[in-house]
PDB file of N, CA and C in Angstrom:
ATOM      1  N   MET A   1       0.833  -1.181   0.000  1.00  0.00           N
ATOM      2  CA  MET A   1       0.000   0.000   0.000  1.00  0.00           C
ATOM      3  C   MET A   1       0.880   1.247   0.000  1.00  0.00           C
ATOM      4  N   LEU A   2       1.947   1.204   0.820  1.00  0.00           N
ATOM      5  CA  LEU A   2       2.863   2.332   0.882  1.00  0.00           C
ATOM      6  C   LEU A   2       3.547   2.540  -0.462  1.00  0.00           C
ATOM      7  N   LEU A   3       3.863   1.444  -1.137  1.00  0.00           N
ATOM      8  CA  LEU A   3       4.482   1.532  -2.451  1.00  0.00           C
ATOM      9  C   LEU A   3       3.548   2.226  -3.440  1.00  0.00           C
ATOM     10  N   ALA A   4       2.256   1.895  -3.394  1.00  0.00           N
ATOM     11  CA  ALA A   4       1.283   2.523  -4.293  1.00  0.00           C
ATOM     12  C   ALA A   4       1.206   4.021  -4.029  1.00  0.00           C
ATOM     13  N   ALA A   5       1.244   4.423  -2.757  1.00  0.00           N
ATOM     14  CA  ALA A   5       1.196   5.850  -2.418  1.00  0.00           C
ATOM     15  C   ALA A   5       2.446   6.553  -2.930  1.00  0.00           C
ATOM     16  N   ALA A   6       3.591   5.898  -2.832  1.00  0.00           N
ATOM     17  CA  ALA A   6       4.826   6.491  -3.317  1.00  0.00           C
ATOM     18  C   ALA A   6       4.797   6.655  -4.835  1.00  0.00           C
ATOM     19  N   ILE A   7       4.240   5.676  -5.521  1.00  0.00           N
ATOM     20  CA  ILE A   7       4.148   5.763  -6.986  1.00  0.00           C
ATOM     21  C   ILE A   7       3.229   6.902  -7.385  1.00  0.00           C
ATOM     22  N   VAL A   8       2.097   7.027  -6.700  1.00  0.00           N
ATOM     23  CA  VAL A   8       1.169   8.117  -6.996  1.00  0.00           C
ATOM     24  C   VAL A   8       1.843   9.456  -6.721  1.00  0.00           C
ATOM     25  N   ALA A   9       2.560   9.554  -5.601  1.00  0.00           N
ATOM     26  CA  ALA A   9       3.233  10.810  -5.261  1.00  0.00           C
ATOM     27  C   ALA A   9       4.275  11.163  -6.320  1.00  0.00           C
ATOM     28  N   LEU A  10       4.967  10.163  -6.834  1.00  0.00           N
ATOM     29  CA  LEU A  10       5.976  10.422  -7.853  1.00  0.00           C
ATOM     30  C   LEU A  10       5.344  10.717  -9.209  1.00  0.00           C
ATOM     31  N   ALA A  11       4.160  10.191  -9.451  1.00  0.00           N
ATOM     32  CA  ALA A  11       3.512  10.365 -10.752  1.00  0.00           C
ATOM     33  C   ALA A  11       2.855  11.730 -10.897  1.00  0.00           C
ATOM     34  N   ILE A  12       2.549  12.385  -9.810  1.00  0.00           N
ATOM     35  CA  ILE A  12       1.868  13.677  -9.888  1.00  0.00           C
ATOM     36  C   ILE A  12       2.649  14.688 -10.710  1.00  0.00           C
ATOM     37  N   PRO A  13       3.946  14.866 -10.467  1.00  0.00           N
ATOM     38  CA  PRO A  13       4.659  15.831 -11.299  1.00  0.00           C
ATOM     39  C   PRO A  13       4.671  15.450 -12.777  1.00  0.00           C
ATOM     40  N   LEU A  14       4.563  14.165 -13.090  1.00  0.00           N
ATOM     41  CA  LEU A  14       4.565  13.735 -14.482  1.00  0.00           C
ATOM     42  C   LEU A  14       3.299  14.174 -15.211  1.00  0.00           C
ATOM     43  N   ALA A  15       2.209  14.399 -14.473  1.00  0.00           N
ATOM     44  CA  ALA A  15       0.943  14.778 -15.089  1.00  0.00           C
ATOM     45  C   ALA A  15       0.823  16.282 -15.285  1.00  0.00           C
ATOM     46  N   LEU A  16       1.756  17.042 -14.750  1.00  0.00           N
ATOM     47  CA  LEU A  16       1.701  18.486 -14.900  1.00  0.00           C
ATOM     48  C   LEU A  16       2.070  18.881 -16.323  1.00  0.00           C
ATOM     49  N   PRO A  17       1.465  19.934 -16.827  1.00  0.00           N
ATOM     50  CA  PRO A  17       1.782  20.344 -18.191  1.00  0.00           C
ATOM     51  C   PRO A  17       3.231  20.814 -18.309  1.00  0.00           C
ATOM     52  N   SER A  18       3.771  20.623 -19.485  1.00  0.00           N
ATOM     53  CA  SER A  18       5.134  21.087 -19.723  1.00  0.00           C
ATOM     54  C   SER A  18       5.115  22.592 -19.963  1.00  0.00           C
ATOM     55  N   ARG A  19       6.247  23.157 -20.242  1.00  0.00           N
ATOM     56  CA  ARG A  19       6.324  24.592 -20.496  1.00  0.00           C
ATOM     57  C   ARG A  19       5.974  24.932 -21.947  1.00  0.00           C
ATOM     58  N   SER A  20       5.362  23.971 -22.630  1.00  0.00           N
ATOM     59  CA  SER A  20       4.947  24.179 -24.013  1.00  0.00           C
ATOM     60  C   SER A  20       3.789  25.171 -24.062  1.00  0.00           C
ATOM     61  N   PRO A  21       3.604  25.798 -25.206  1.00  0.00           N
ATOM     62  CA  PRO A  21       2.431  26.653 -25.356  1.00  0.00           C
ATOM     63  C   PRO A  21       1.164  25.819 -25.173  1.00  0.00           C
ATOM     64  N   PRO A  22       0.065  26.417 -24.710  1.00  0.00           N
ATOM     65  CA  PRO A  22      -1.158  25.666 -24.431  1.00  0.00           C
ATOM     66  C   PRO A  22      -1.635  24.799 -25.584  1.00  0.00           C
ATOM     67  N   SER A  23      -1.376  25.153 -26.810  1.00  0.00           N
ATOM     68  CA  SER A  23      -1.848  24.355 -27.936  1.00  0.00           C
ATOM     69  C   SER A  23      -1.113  23.022 -28.045  1.00  0.00           C
ATOM     70  N   ARG A  24       0.011  22.870 -27.361  1.00  0.00           N
ATOM     71  CA  ARG A  24       0.789  21.634 -27.483  1.00  0.00           C
ATOM     72  C   ARG A  24       0.826  20.822 -26.193  1.00  0.00           C
ATOM     73  N   ILE A  25      -0.029  21.096 -25.237  1.00  0.00           N
ATOM     74  CA  ILE A  25      -0.025  20.329 -23.991  1.00  0.00           C
ATOM     75  C   ILE A  25      -0.624  18.960 -24.253  1.00  0.00           C
ATOM     76  N   ALA A  26       0.105  17.941 -23.871  1.00  0.00           N
ATOM     77  CA  ALA A  26      -0.363  16.570 -24.060  1.00  0.00           C
ATOM     78  C   ALA A  26      -1.361  16.212 -22.964  1.00  0.00           C
ATOM     79  N   VAL A  27      -2.358  15.452 -23.332  1.00  0.00           N
ATOM     80  CA  VAL A  27      -3.335  14.977 -22.363  1.00  0.00           C
ATOM     81  C   VAL A  27      -2.723  13.768 -21.666  1.00  0.00           C
ATOM     82  N   SER A  28      -2.678  13.828 -20.354  1.00  0.00           N
ATOM     83  CA  SER A  28      -2.085  12.707 -19.623  1.00  0.00           C
ATOM     84  C   SER A  28      -3.060  11.540 -19.580  1.00  0.00           C
ATOM     85  N   GLN A  29      -2.519  10.359 -19.562  1.00  0.00           N
ATOM     86  CA  GLN A  29      -3.314   9.135 -19.514  1.00  0.00           C
ATOM     87  C   GLN A  29      -3.510   8.721 -18.062  1.00  0.00           C
ATOM     88  N   PRO A  30      -4.622   8.043 -17.753  1.00  0.00           N
ATOM     89  CA  PRO A  30      -4.824   7.577 -16.382  1.00  0.00           C
ATOM     90  C   PRO A  30      -3.732   6.593 -15.990  1.00  0.00           C
ATOM     91  N   ILE A  31      -3.390   6.592 -14.741  1.00  0.00           N
ATOM     92  CA  ILE A  31      -2.387   5.673 -14.219  1.00  0.00           C
ATOM     93  C   ILE A  31      -3.115   4.498 -13.592  1.00  0.00           C
ATOM     94  N   GLU A  32      -2.793   3.304 -14.002  1.00  0.00           N
ATOM     95  CA  GLU A  32      -3.404   2.115 -13.429  1.00  0.00           C
ATOM     96  C   GLU A  32      -2.462   1.543 -12.381  1.00  0.00           C
ATOM     97  N   LEU A  33      -2.991   1.372 -11.173  1.00  0.00           N
ATOM     98  CA  LEU A  33      -2.218   0.801 -10.080  1.00  0.00           C
ATOM     99  C   LEU A  33      -2.929  -0.448  -9.572  1.00  0.00           C
ATOM    100  N   PRO A  34      -2.398  -1.620  -9.897  1.00  0.00           N
ATOM    101  CA  PRO A  34      -3.029  -2.834  -9.380  1.00  0.00           C
ATOM    102  C   PRO A  34      -2.945  -2.842  -7.858  1.00  0.00           C
ATOM    103  N   ASN A  35      -3.963  -3.367  -7.228  1.00  0.00           N
ATOM    104  CA  ASN A  35      -4.039  -3.470  -5.772  1.00  0.00           C
ATOM    105  C   ASN A  35      -4.217  -2.121  -5.071  1.00  0.00           C
ATOM    106  N   ALA A  36      -4.488  -1.060  -5.815  1.00  0.00           N
ATOM    107  CA  ALA A  36      -4.725   0.241  -5.189  1.00  0.00           C
ATOM    108  C   ALA A  36      -6.149   0.275  -4.655  1.00  0.00           C
ATOM    109  N   VAL A  37      -6.324   0.922  -3.521  1.00  0.00           N
ATOM    110  CA  VAL A  37      -7.637   1.053  -2.911  1.00  0.00           C
ATOM    111  C   VAL A  37      -8.072   2.504  -3.035  1.00  0.00           C
ATOM    112  N   VAL A  38      -9.262   2.712  -3.584  1.00  0.00           N
ATOM    113  CA  VAL A  38      -9.805   4.055  -3.718  1.00  0.00           C
ATOM    114  C   VAL A  38     -10.860   4.246  -2.647  1.00  0.00           C
ATOM    115  N   VAL A  39     -10.691   5.273  -1.823  1.00  0.00           N
ATOM    116  CA  VAL A  39     -11.644   5.573  -0.766  1.00  0.00           C
ATOM    117  C   VAL A  39     -12.348   6.878  -1.120  1.00  0.00           C
ATOM    118  N   VAL A  40     -13.669   6.822  -1.203  1.00  0.00           N
ATOM    119  CA  VAL A  40     -14.456   8.008  -1.505  1.00  0.00           C
ATOM    120  C   VAL A  40     -15.086   8.487  -0.208  1.00  0.00           C
ATOM    121  N   PRO A  41     -14.735   9.695   0.261  1.00  0.00           N
ATOM    122  CA  PRO A  41     -15.346  10.206   1.492  1.00  0.00           C
ATOM    123  C   PRO A  41     -16.859  10.295   1.335  1.00  0.00           C
ATOM    124  N   SER A  42     -17.576  10.039   2.418  1.00  0.00           N
ATOM    125  CA  SER A  42     -19.040  10.005   2.346  1.00  0.00           C
ATOM    126  C   SER A  42     -19.623  11.338   1.893  1.00  0.00           C
ATOM    127  N   PHE A  43     -18.949  12.444   2.196  1.00  0.00           N
ATOM    128  CA  PHE A  43     -19.496  13.728   1.783  1.00  0.00           C
ATOM    129  C   PHE A  43     -19.428  13.926   0.274  1.00  0.00           C
ATOM    130  N   LEU A  44     -18.704  13.065  -0.434  1.00  0.00           N
ATOM    131  CA  LEU A  44     -18.659  13.135  -1.889  1.00  0.00           C
ATOM    132  C   LEU A  44     -19.607  12.150  -2.553  1.00  0.00           C
ATOM    133  N   GLU A  45     -20.205  11.263  -1.799  1.00  0.00           N
ATOM    134  CA  GLU A  45     -21.059  10.240  -2.376  1.00  0.00           C
ATOM    135  C   GLU A  45     -22.412  10.765  -2.820  1.00  0.00           C
ATOM    136  N   GLY A  46     -22.852  11.899  -2.306  1.00  0.00           N
ATOM    137  CA  GLY A  46     -24.090  12.506  -2.756  1.00  0.00           C
ATOM    138  C   GLY A  46     -25.317  12.110  -1.977  1.00  0.00           C
ATOM    139  N   SER A  47     -25.584  10.845  -1.800  1.00  0.00           N
ATOM    140  CA  SER A  47     -26.824  10.434  -1.165  1.00  0.00           C
ATOM    141  C   SER A  47     -26.880  10.798   0.310  1.00  0.00           C
ATOM    142  N   SER A  48     -25.755  10.748   1.024  1.00  0.00           N
ATOM    143  CA  SER A  48     -25.760  11.057   2.442  1.00  0.00           C
ATOM    144  C   SER A  48     -25.229  12.453   2.741  1.00  0.00           C
ATOM    145  N   ALA A  49     -24.789  13.166   1.724  1.00  0.00           N
ATOM    146  CA  ALA A  49     -24.242  14.502   1.942  1.00  0.00           C
ATOM    147  C   ALA A  49     -25.326  15.420   2.464  1.00  0.00           C
ATOM    148  N   GLY A  50     -25.056  16.041   3.594  1.00  0.00           N
ATOM    149  CA  GLY A  50     -25.996  16.988   4.158  1.00  0.00           C
ATOM    150  C   GLY A  50     -27.122  16.341   4.945  1.00  0.00           C
ATOM    151  N   ALA A  51     -27.149  15.016   5.057  1.00  0.00           N
ATOM    152  CA  ALA A  51     -28.198  14.333   5.799  1.00  0.00           C
ATOM    153  C   ALA A  51     -28.050  14.616   7.289  1.00  0.00           C
ATOM    154  N   VAL A  52     -29.190  14.742   7.964  1.00  0.00           N
ATOM    155  CA  VAL A  52     -29.186  14.965   9.404  1.00  0.00           C
ATOM    156  C   VAL A  52     -29.101  13.609  10.095  1.00  0.00           C
ATOM    157  N   ILE A  53     -28.205  13.518  11.066  1.00  0.00           N
ATOM    158  CA  ILE A  53     -27.960  12.270  11.786  1.00  0.00           C
ATOM    159  C   ILE A  53     -28.462  12.425  13.213  1.00  0.00           C
ATOM    160  N   ASP A  54     -29.223  11.450  13.686  1.00  0.00           N
ATOM    161  CA  ASP A  54     -29.739  11.445  15.052  1.00  0.00           C
ATOM    162  C   ASP A  54     -28.631  10.957  15.984  1.00  0.00           C
ATOM    163  N   LEU A  55     -28.188  11.827  16.884  1.00  0.00           N
ATOM    164  CA  LEU A  55     -27.116  11.481  17.819  1.00  0.00           C
ATOM    165  C   LEU A  55     -27.495  10.302  18.716  1.00  0.00           C
ATOM    166  N   ASN A  56     -28.790  10.113  18.952  1.00  0.00           N
ATOM    167  CA  ASN A  56     -29.237   9.050  19.857  1.00  0.00           C
ATOM    168  C   ASN A  56     -29.486   7.712  19.165  1.00  0.00           C
ATOM    169  N   ALA A  57     -29.453   7.687  17.852  1.00  0.00           N
ATOM    170  CA  ALA A  57     -29.738   6.450  17.139  1.00  0.00           C
ATOM    171  C   ALA A  57     -28.606   6.013  16.209  1.00  0.00           C
ATOM    172  N   ALA A  58     -27.696   6.914  15.889  1.00  0.00           N
ATOM    173  CA  ALA A  58     -26.660   6.626  14.894  1.00  0.00           C
ATOM    174  C   ALA A  58     -25.589   5.683  15.432  1.00  0.00           C
ATOM    175  N   SER A  59     -25.084   4.857  14.531  1.00  0.00           N
ATOM    176  CA  SER A  59     -23.954   3.985  14.856  1.00  0.00           C
ATOM    177  C   SER A  59     -22.666   4.813  14.802  1.00  0.00           C
ATOM    178  N   ALA A  60     -21.600   4.241  15.293  1.00  0.00           N
ATOM    179  CA  ALA A  60     -20.306   4.921  15.229  1.00  0.00           C
ATOM    180  C   ALA A  60     -19.908   5.193  13.785  1.00  0.00           C
ATOM    181  N   GLU A  61     -20.202   4.248  12.897  1.00  0.00           N
ATOM    182  CA  GLU A  61     -19.854   4.426  11.483  1.00  0.00           C
ATOM    183  C   GLU A  61     -20.627   5.598  10.877  1.00  0.00           C
ATOM    184  N   GLU A  62     -21.892   5.746  11.241  1.00  0.00           N
ATOM    185  CA  GLU A  62     -22.686   6.874  10.746  1.00  0.00           C
ATOM    186  C   GLU A  62     -22.177   8.191  11.310  1.00  0.00           C
ATOM    187  N   LEU A  63     -21.867   8.207  12.597  1.00  0.00           N
ATOM    188  CA  LEU A  63     -21.355   9.430  13.231  1.00  0.00           C
ATOM    189  C   LEU A  63     -20.009   9.840  12.636  1.00  0.00           C
ATOM    190  N   ALA A  64     -19.217   8.868  12.232  1.00  0.00           N
ATOM    191  CA  ALA A  64     -17.895   9.153  11.667  1.00  0.00           C
ATOM    192  C   ALA A  64     -17.984   9.881  10.329  1.00  0.00           C
ATOM    193  N   THR A  65     -19.164   9.911   9.711  1.00  0.00           N
ATOM    194  CA  THR A  65     -19.315  10.638   8.447  1.00  0.00           C
ATOM    195  C   THR A  65     -19.490  12.135   8.658  1.00  0.00           C
ATOM    196  N   LEU A  66     -19.681  12.550   9.897  1.00  0.00           N
ATOM    197  CA  LEU A  66     -19.842  13.978  10.193  1.00  0.00           C
ATOM    198  C   LEU A  66     -18.511  14.710  10.058  1.00  0.00           C
ATOM    199  N   PRO A  67     -18.545  15.984   9.672  1.00  0.00           N
ATOM    200  CA  PRO A  67     -17.303  16.765   9.582  1.00  0.00           C
ATOM    201  C   PRO A  67     -16.599  16.804  10.939  1.00  0.00           C
ATOM    202  N   SER A  68     -15.299  16.646  10.931  1.00  0.00           N
ATOM    203  CA  SER A  68     -14.430  16.699  12.120  1.00  0.00           C
ATOM    204  C   SER A  68     -14.604  15.532  13.084  1.00  0.00           C
ATOM    205  N   ILE A  69     -15.371  14.509  12.694  1.00  0.00           N
ATOM    206  CA  ILE A  69     -15.572  13.342  13.561  1.00  0.00           C
ATOM    207  C   ILE A  69     -14.984  12.119  12.860  1.00  0.00           C
ATOM    208  N   GLY A  70     -13.986  11.540  13.472  1.00  0.00           N
ATOM    209  CA  GLY A  70     -13.429  10.295  12.960  1.00  0.00           C
ATOM    210  C   GLY A  70     -14.048   9.126  13.700  1.00  0.00           C
ATOM    211  N   LEU A  71     -13.605   7.924  13.376  1.00  0.00           N
ATOM    212  CA  LEU A  71     -14.175   6.734  13.989  1.00  0.00           C
ATOM    213  C   LEU A  71     -13.919   6.691  15.494  1.00  0.00           C
ATOM    214  N   ALA A  72     -12.741   7.081  15.949  1.00  0.00           N
ATOM    215  CA  ALA A  72     -12.431   7.041  17.384  1.00  0.00           C
ATOM    216  C   ALA A  72     -13.357   7.972  18.171  1.00  0.00           C
ATOM    217  N   LEU A  73     -13.557   9.184  17.670  1.00  0.00           N
ATOM    218  CA  LEU A  73     -14.435  10.131  18.352  1.00  0.00           C
ATOM    219  C   LEU A  73     -15.888   9.661  18.262  1.00  0.00           C
ATOM    220  N   ALA A  74     -16.278   9.091  17.155  1.00  0.00           N
ATOM    221  CA  ALA A  74     -17.633   8.557  17.002  1.00  0.00           C
ATOM    222  C   ALA A  74     -17.885   7.439  18.015  1.00  0.00           C
ATOM    223  N   GLU A  75     -16.896   6.606  18.237  1.00  0.00           N
ATOM    224  CA  GLU A  75     -17.039   5.533  19.223  1.00  0.00           C
ATOM    225  C   GLU A  75     -17.161   6.094  20.635  1.00  0.00           C
ATOM    226  N   ARG A  76     -16.483   7.210  20.924  1.00  0.00           N
ATOM    227  CA  ARG A  76     -16.630   7.864  22.235  1.00  0.00           C
ATOM    228  C   ARG A  76     -18.035   8.438  22.408  1.00  0.00           C
ATOM    229  N   ILE A  77     -18.616   8.954  21.327  1.00  0.00           N
ATOM    230  CA  ILE A  77     -19.990   9.473  21.391  1.00  0.00           C
ATOM    231  C   ILE A  77     -20.954   8.343  21.742  1.00  0.00           C
ATOM    232  N   VAL A  78     -20.818   7.213  21.074  1.00  0.00           N
ATOM    233  CA  VAL A  78     -21.686   6.062  21.338  1.00  0.00           C
ATOM    234  C   VAL A  78     -21.478   5.563  22.771  1.00  0.00           C
ATOM    235  N   ALA A  79     -20.234   5.471  23.224  1.00  0.00           N
ATOM    236  CA  ALA A  79     -19.948   5.009  24.583  1.00  0.00           C
ATOM    237  C   ALA A  79     -20.559   5.958  25.619  1.00  0.00           C
ATOM    238  N   TYR A  80     -20.461   7.260  25.370  1.00  0.00           N
ATOM    239  CA  TYR A  80     -21.053   8.254  26.270  1.00  0.00           C
ATOM    240  C   TYR A  80     -22.573   8.067  26.327  1.00  0.00           C
ATOM    241  N   ARG A  81     -23.188   7.861  25.181  1.00  0.00           N
ATOM    242  CA  ARG A  81     -24.638   7.681  25.091  1.00  0.00           C
ATOM    243  C   ARG A  81     -25.072   6.424  25.845  1.00  0.00           C
ATOM    244  N   VAL A  82     -24.289   5.353  25.743  1.00  0.00           N
ATOM    245  CA  VAL A  82     -24.605   4.113  26.449  1.00  0.00           C
ATOM    246  C   VAL A  82     -24.487   4.310  27.955  1.00  0.00           C
ATOM    247  N   GLU A  83     -23.447   5.010  28.397  1.00  0.00           N
ATOM    248  CA  GLU A  83     -23.208   5.195  29.827  1.00  0.00           C
ATOM    249  C   GLU A  83     -24.174   6.187  30.467  1.00  0.00           C
ATOM    250  N   TYR A  84     -24.455   7.295  29.803  1.00  0.00           N
ATOM    251  CA  TYR A  84     -25.228   8.377  30.416  1.00  0.00           C
ATOM    252  C   TYR A  84     -26.653   8.514  29.876  1.00  0.00           C
ATOM    253  N   GLY A  85     -27.018   7.748  28.885  1.00  0.00           N
ATOM    254  CA  GLY A  85     -28.358   7.845  28.325  1.00  0.00           C
ATOM    255  C   GLY A  85     -28.392   8.780  27.133  1.00  0.00           C
ATOM    256  N   PRO A  86     -29.576   8.968  26.560  1.00  0.00           N
ATOM    257  CA  PRO A  86     -29.692   9.764  25.335  1.00  0.00           C
ATOM    258  C   PRO A  86     -29.358  11.239  25.557  1.00  0.00           C
ATOM    259  N   PHE A  87     -28.894  11.855  24.496  1.00  0.00           N
ATOM    260  CA  PHE A  87     -28.631  13.289  24.518  1.00  0.00           C
ATOM    261  C   PHE A  87     -29.973  14.009  24.502  1.00  0.00           C
ATOM    262  N   MET A  88     -30.146  14.989  25.370  1.00  0.00           N
ATOM    263  CA  MET A  88     -31.399  15.736  25.423  1.00  0.00           C
ATOM    264  C   MET A  88     -31.380  16.917  24.455  1.00  0.00           C
ATOM    265  N   SER A  89     -30.194  17.399  24.107  1.00  0.00           N
ATOM    266  CA  SER A  89     -30.043  18.464  23.116  1.00  0.00           C
ATOM    267  C   SER A  89     -28.764  18.189  22.342  1.00  0.00           C
ATOM    268  N   ILE A  90     -28.643  18.784  21.176  1.00  0.00           N
ATOM    269  CA  ILE A  90     -27.429  18.527  20.394  1.00  0.00           C
ATOM    270  C   ILE A  90     -26.202  19.077  21.100  1.00  0.00           C
ATOM    271  N   GLU A  91     -26.363  20.118  21.911  1.00  0.00           N
ATOM    272  CA  GLU A  91     -25.242  20.699  22.636  1.00  0.00           C
ATOM    273  C   GLU A  91     -24.660  19.735  23.671  1.00  0.00           C
ATOM    274  N   ASP A  92     -25.471  18.772  24.141  1.00  0.00           N
ATOM    275  CA  ASP A  92     -24.995  17.800  25.129  1.00  0.00           C
ATOM    276  C   ASP A  92     -23.821  16.975  24.619  1.00  0.00           C
ATOM    277  N   VAL A  93     -23.685  16.850  23.316  1.00  0.00           N
ATOM    278  CA  VAL A  93     -22.580  16.068  22.759  1.00  0.00           C
ATOM    279  C   VAL A  93     -21.227  16.711  23.095  1.00  0.00           C
ATOM    280  N   THR A  94     -21.221  17.989  23.472  1.00  0.00           N
ATOM    281  CA  THR A  94     -19.958  18.646  23.845  1.00  0.00           C
ATOM    282  C   THR A  94     -19.412  18.132  25.171  1.00  0.00           C
ATOM    283  N   HIS A  95     -20.196  17.323  25.892  1.00  0.00           N
ATOM    284  CA  HIS A  95     -19.706  16.699  27.126  1.00  0.00           C
ATOM    285  C   HIS A  95     -18.780  15.522  26.819  1.00  0.00           C
ATOM    286  N   VAL A  96     -18.798  15.060  25.587  1.00  0.00           N
ATOM    287  CA  VAL A  96     -17.937  13.959  25.170  1.00  0.00           C
ATOM    288  C   VAL A  96     -16.513  14.493  25.023  1.00  0.00           C
ATOM    289  N   SER A  97     -15.575  13.794  25.618  1.00  0.00           N
ATOM    290  CA  SER A  97     -14.170  14.200  25.544  1.00  0.00           C
ATOM    291  C   SER A  97     -13.714  14.297  24.086  1.00  0.00           C
ATOM    292  N   GLY A  98     -13.148  15.437  23.720  1.00  0.00           N
ATOM    293  CA  GLY A  98     -12.653  15.637  22.361  1.00  0.00           C
ATOM    294  C   GLY A  98     -13.563  16.483  21.498  1.00  0.00           C
ATOM    295  N   ILE A  99     -14.765  16.804  21.995  1.00  0.00           N
ATOM    296  CA  ILE A  99     -15.674  17.658  21.231  1.00  0.00           C
ATOM    297  C   ILE A  99     -15.776  19.001  21.924  1.00  0.00           C
ATOM    298  N   GLY A 100     -15.059  19.963  21.377  1.00  0.00           N
ATOM    299  CA  GLY A 100     -15.088  21.328  21.879  1.00  0.00           C
ATOM    300  C   GLY A 100     -15.912  22.208  20.958  1.00  0.00           C
ATOM    301  N   PRO A 101     -15.873  23.508  21.196  1.00  0.00           N
ATOM    302  CA  PRO A 101     -16.679  24.434  20.394  1.00  0.00           C
ATOM    303  C   PRO A 101     -16.401  24.372  18.886  1.00  0.00           C
ATOM    304  N   ALA A 102     -15.145  24.270  18.494  1.00  0.00           N
ATOM    305  CA  ALA A 102     -14.822  24.248  17.061  1.00  0.00           C
ATOM    306  C   ALA A 102     -15.310  22.963  16.401  1.00  0.00           C
ATOM    307  N   THR A 103     -15.114  21.840  17.054  1.00  0.00           N
ATOM    308  CA  THR A 103     -15.570  20.563  16.504  1.00  0.00           C
ATOM    309  C   THR A 103     -17.091  20.551  16.416  1.00  0.00           C
ATOM    310  N   PHE A 104     -17.754  20.995  17.481  1.00  0.00           N
ATOM    311  CA  PHE A 104     -19.215  21.033  17.493  1.00  0.00           C
ATOM    312  C   PHE A 104     -19.750  21.940  16.384  1.00  0.00           C
ATOM    313  N   ALA A 105     -19.115  23.086  16.194  1.00  0.00           N
ATOM    314  CA  ALA A 105     -19.555  24.025  15.151  1.00  0.00           C
ATOM    315  C   ALA A 105     -19.464  23.402  13.761  1.00  0.00           C
ATOM    316  N   ALA A 106     -18.520  22.492  13.562  1.00  0.00           N
ATOM    317  CA  ALA A 106     -18.329  21.872  12.248  1.00  0.00           C
ATOM    318  C   ALA A 106     -19.486  20.959  11.861  1.00  0.00           C
ATOM    319  N   PHE A 107     -20.188  20.375  12.850  1.00  0.00           N
ATOM    320  CA  PHE A 107     -21.246  19.419  12.506  1.00  0.00           C
ATOM    321  C   PHE A 107     -22.613  19.742  13.101  1.00  0.00           C
ATOM    322  N   GLN A 108     -22.753  20.822  13.834  1.00  0.00           N
ATOM    323  CA  GLN A 108     -24.014  21.077  14.550  1.00  0.00           C
ATOM    324  C   GLN A 108     -25.248  21.161  13.646  1.00  0.00           C
ATOM    325  N   ASP A 109     -25.072  21.593  12.412  1.00  0.00           N
ATOM    326  CA  ASP A 109     -26.207  21.685  11.488  1.00  0.00           C
ATOM    327  C   ASP A 109     -26.573  20.343  10.866  1.00  0.00           C
ATOM    328  N   ARG A 110     -25.803  19.309  11.166  1.00  0.00           N
ATOM    329  CA  ARG A 110     -26.026  17.993  10.553  1.00  0.00           C
ATOM    330  C   ARG A 110     -26.510  16.945  11.552  1.00  0.00           C
ATOM    331  N   VAL A 111     -26.834  17.389  12.798  1.00  0.00           N
ATOM    332  CA  VAL A 111     -27.270  16.429  13.812  1.00  0.00           C
ATOM    333  C   VAL A 111     -28.584  16.842  14.455  1.00  0.00           C
ATOM    334  N   SER A 112     -29.260  15.843  15.032  1.00  0.00           N
ATOM    335  CA  SER A 112     -30.469  16.079  15.807  1.00  0.00           C
ATOM    336  C   SER A 112     -30.441  15.106  16.986  1.00  0.00           C
ATOM    337  N   VAL A 113     -31.425  15.233  17.873  1.00  0.00           N
ATOM    338  CA  VAL A 113     -31.544  14.287  18.982  1.00  0.00           C
ATOM    339  C   VAL A 113     -32.871  13.537  18.935  1.00  0.00           C
ATOM    340  N   GLY A 114     -33.550  13.597  17.815  1.00  0.00           N
ATOM    341  CA  GLY A 114     -34.806  12.876  17.670  1.00  0.00           C
ATOM    342  C   GLY A 114     -35.905  13.512  18.502  1.00  0.00           C
ATOM    343  N   SER A 115     -36.970  12.770  18.698  1.00  0.00           N
ATOM    344  CA  SER A 115     -38.122  13.251  19.434  1.00  0.00           C
ATOM    345  C   SER A 115     -37.853  13.227  20.936  1.00  0.00           C
ATOM    346  N   THR A 116     -38.130  14.321  21.619  1.00  0.00           N
ATOM    347  CA  THR A 116     -37.931  14.366  23.076  1.00  0.00           C
ATOM    348  C   THR A 116     -38.947  13.502  23.795  1.00  0.00           C
ATOM    349  N   ASP A 117     -40.108  13.184  23.186  1.00  0.00           N
ATOM    350  CA  ASP A 117     -41.101  12.300  23.799  1.00  0.00           C
ATOM    351  C   ASP A 117     -40.545  10.907  23.975  1.00  0.00           C
ATOM    352  N   GLU A 118     -39.766  10.449  23.003  1.00  0.00           N
ATOM    353  CA  GLU A 118     -39.183   9.099  23.082  1.00  0.00           C
ATOM    354  C   GLU A 118     -38.118   9.024  24.160  1.00  0.00           C
ATOM    355  N   GLN A 119     -37.535  10.164  24.521  1.00  0.00           N
ATOM    356  CA  GLN A 119     -36.412  10.165  25.451  1.00  0.00           C
ATOM    357  C   GLN A 119     -36.856  10.397  26.895  1.00  0.00           C
ATOM    358  N   ALA A 120     -38.104  10.755  27.114  1.00  0.00           N
ATOM    359  CA  ALA A 120     -38.566  11.063  28.451  1.00  0.00           C
ATOM    360  C   ALA A 120     -38.516   9.802  29.328  1.00  0.00           C
ATOM    361  N   ALA A 121     -38.025   9.976  30.538  1.00  0.00           N
ATOM    362  CA  ALA A 121     -37.932   8.841  31.452  1.00  0.00           C
ATOM    363  C   ALA A 121     -39.321   8.530  32.019  1.00  0.00           C
ATOM    364  N   PRO A 122     -39.651   7.252  32.258  1.00  0.00           N
ATOM    365  CA  PRO A 122     -40.966   6.876  32.775  1.00  0.00           C
ATOM    366  C   PRO A 122     -41.162   7.302  34.212  1.00  0.00           C
TER     367      PRO A 122
END
């Protein structure tokens, strides 16, 4: 995998146009790398871009699609929810270690806490 990354890094300068006048720039051909893995971030996939995620129902994998949230932080959100119960407001997620004002601001428009009726204690 590291070898593939090194080849791609070395190939980038090869795809840059030469100092030729624009009428003579050659079109570069795609580079085929066997065994290369292409990862498309979820925000580029289209179907889930901009979707609102329920903090009280989402899996760690779903939470990890939020801006500034990786899998480790998403797992901490789920662990916090299991230990302390459902989030009553989206701001409650800032009690999770690693989520400060800047991180929260990056995803606050993409989360909800679902219906408060479902969360009320008996």
